Each structure stands twice: as structure tokens, then as C-alpha cells.
Amino acid sequence: MSAFSTAHAALTTLAAEGGEHVDTHPSISPFMTGGAALVILFLLLWITTRFNRDR
């Protein structure tokens, strides 16, 4: 049970310190991520329809 209380104390301290989140590295653009996901889904749809020619 002491491991649980130690972890609880550490997480409580970590949560109290935070305050604001500051990014130190550039983030991936959400538009780029969404566009890539859309292209991949369209590619999978095209592959699926090529293998399903009997319908």
C-alpha cells in the first residue's frame, strides 16, 4: 500500500506544479494529419473496390 501512497503523492505534486503547458517543439499541423488520414482512407477504399469487382 505504500507504493500506492507514494505514487499518489508524486502525482499530486506533479499536478500542483504544472500551471501552464508550454510547448518547446513545433506541433504537427492538424490539417496535415487530417488530410493524410483522408488520403489513406480514400486509398484503402479504392483498393477495396478494385478487389471486389464481382459486385
C-alpha atoms as a PDB file:
ATOM      1  CA  MET A   1       0.000   0.000   0.000  1.00  0.00           C
ATOM      2  CA  SER A   2       2.974   2.321   0.491  1.00  0.00           C
ATOM      3  CA  ALA A   3       3.713   2.227  -3.265  1.00  0.00           C
ATOM      4  CA  PHE A   4       0.188   3.467  -3.905  1.00  0.00           C
ATOM      5  CA  SER A   5       0.521   6.331  -1.446  1.00  0.00           C
ATOM      6  CA  THR A   6       3.951   7.247  -2.832  1.00  0.00           C
ATOM      7  CA  ALA A   7       2.599   7.307  -6.383  1.00  0.00           C
ATOM      8  CA  HIS A   8      -0.390   9.332  -5.214  1.00  0.00           C
ATOM      9  CA  ALA A   9       1.848  11.885  -3.523  1.00  0.00           C
ATOM     10  CA  ALA A  10       4.069  12.159  -6.598  1.00  0.00           C
ATOM     11  CA  LEU A  11       1.119  12.669  -8.946  1.00  0.00           C
ATOM     12  CA  THR A  12      -0.439  15.234  -6.634  1.00  0.00           C
ATOM     13  CA  THR A  13       2.809  17.196  -6.549  1.00  0.00           C
ATOM     14  CA  LEU A  14       3.141  16.976 -10.329  1.00  0.00           C
ATOM     15  CA  ALA A  15      -0.419  18.196 -10.857  1.00  0.00           C
ATOM     16  CA  ALA A  16       0.050  21.110  -8.451  1.00  0.00           C
ATOM     17  CA  GLU A  17       3.285  22.298 -10.098  1.00  0.00           C
ATOM     18  CA  GLY A  18       2.074  22.388 -13.714  1.00  0.00           C
ATOM     19  CA  GLY A  19       0.034  25.535 -14.054  1.00  0.00           C
ATOM     20  CA  GLU A  20       0.541  26.256 -17.737  1.00  0.00           C
ATOM     21  CA  HIS A  21       1.651  23.947 -20.515  1.00  0.00           C
ATOM     22  CA  VAL A  22       4.413  25.371 -22.684  1.00  0.00           C
ATOM     23  CA  ASP A  23       5.334  23.647 -25.934  1.00  0.00           C
ATOM     24  CA  THR A  24       9.043  23.655 -26.637  1.00  0.00           C
ATOM     25  CA  HIS A  25       8.737  21.982 -30.032  1.00  0.00           C
ATOM     26  CA  PRO A  26       6.598  22.672 -33.083  1.00  0.00           C
ATOM     27  CA  SER A  27       3.450  20.593 -33.253  1.00  0.00           C
ATOM     28  CA  ILE A  28       2.212  18.615 -36.230  1.00  0.00           C
ATOM     29  CA  SER A  29      -0.427  20.564 -38.102  1.00  0.00           C
ATOM     30  CA  PRO A  30      -3.931  19.168 -37.526  1.00  0.00           C
ATOM     31  CA  PHE A  31      -4.798  19.959 -41.154  1.00  0.00           C
ATOM     32  CA  MET A  32      -1.821  17.906 -42.335  1.00  0.00           C
ATOM     33  CA  THR A  33      -2.781  14.991 -40.086  1.00  0.00           C
ATOM     34  CA  GLY A  34      -6.433  15.099 -41.180  1.00  0.00           C
ATOM     35  CA  GLY A  35      -5.510  15.404 -44.844  1.00  0.00           C
ATOM     36  CA  ALA A  36      -3.134  12.454 -44.636  1.00  0.00           C
ATOM     37  CA  ALA A  37      -5.780  10.353 -42.877  1.00  0.00           C
ATOM     38  CA  LEU A  38      -8.326  11.243 -45.579  1.00  0.00           C
ATOM     39  CA  VAL A  39      -5.915  10.305 -48.366  1.00  0.00           C
ATOM     40  CA  ILE A  40      -5.120   6.982 -46.677  1.00  0.00           C
ATOM     41  CA  LEU A  41      -8.820   6.187 -46.232  1.00  0.00           C
ATOM     42  CA  PHE A  42      -9.539   7.021 -49.877  1.00  0.00           C
ATOM     43  CA  LEU A  43      -6.630   4.793 -50.908  1.00  0.00           C
ATOM     44  CA  LEU A  44      -7.991   1.917 -48.824  1.00  0.00           C
ATOM     45  CA  LEU A  45     -11.460   2.457 -50.315  1.00  0.00           C
ATOM     46  CA  TRP A  46     -10.027   2.369 -53.830  1.00  0.00           C
ATOM     47  CA  ILE A  47      -8.059  -0.837 -53.094  1.00  0.00           C
ATOM     48  CA  THR A  48     -11.161  -2.470 -51.596  1.00  0.00           C
ATOM     49  CA  THR A  49     -13.278  -1.634 -54.634  1.00  0.00           C
ATOM     50  CA  ARG A  50     -10.594  -2.982 -57.009  1.00  0.00           C
ATOM     51  CA  PHE A  51     -10.617  -6.380 -55.249  1.00  0.00           C
ATOM     52  CA  ASN A  52     -14.418  -6.522 -55.144  1.00  0.00           C
ATOM     53  CA  ARG A  53     -15.202  -6.440 -58.882  1.00  0.00           C
ATOM     54  CA  ASP A  54     -17.813  -9.237 -58.785  1.00  0.00           C
ATOM     55  CA  ARG A  55     -20.500  -6.963 -57.289  1.00  0.00           C
END
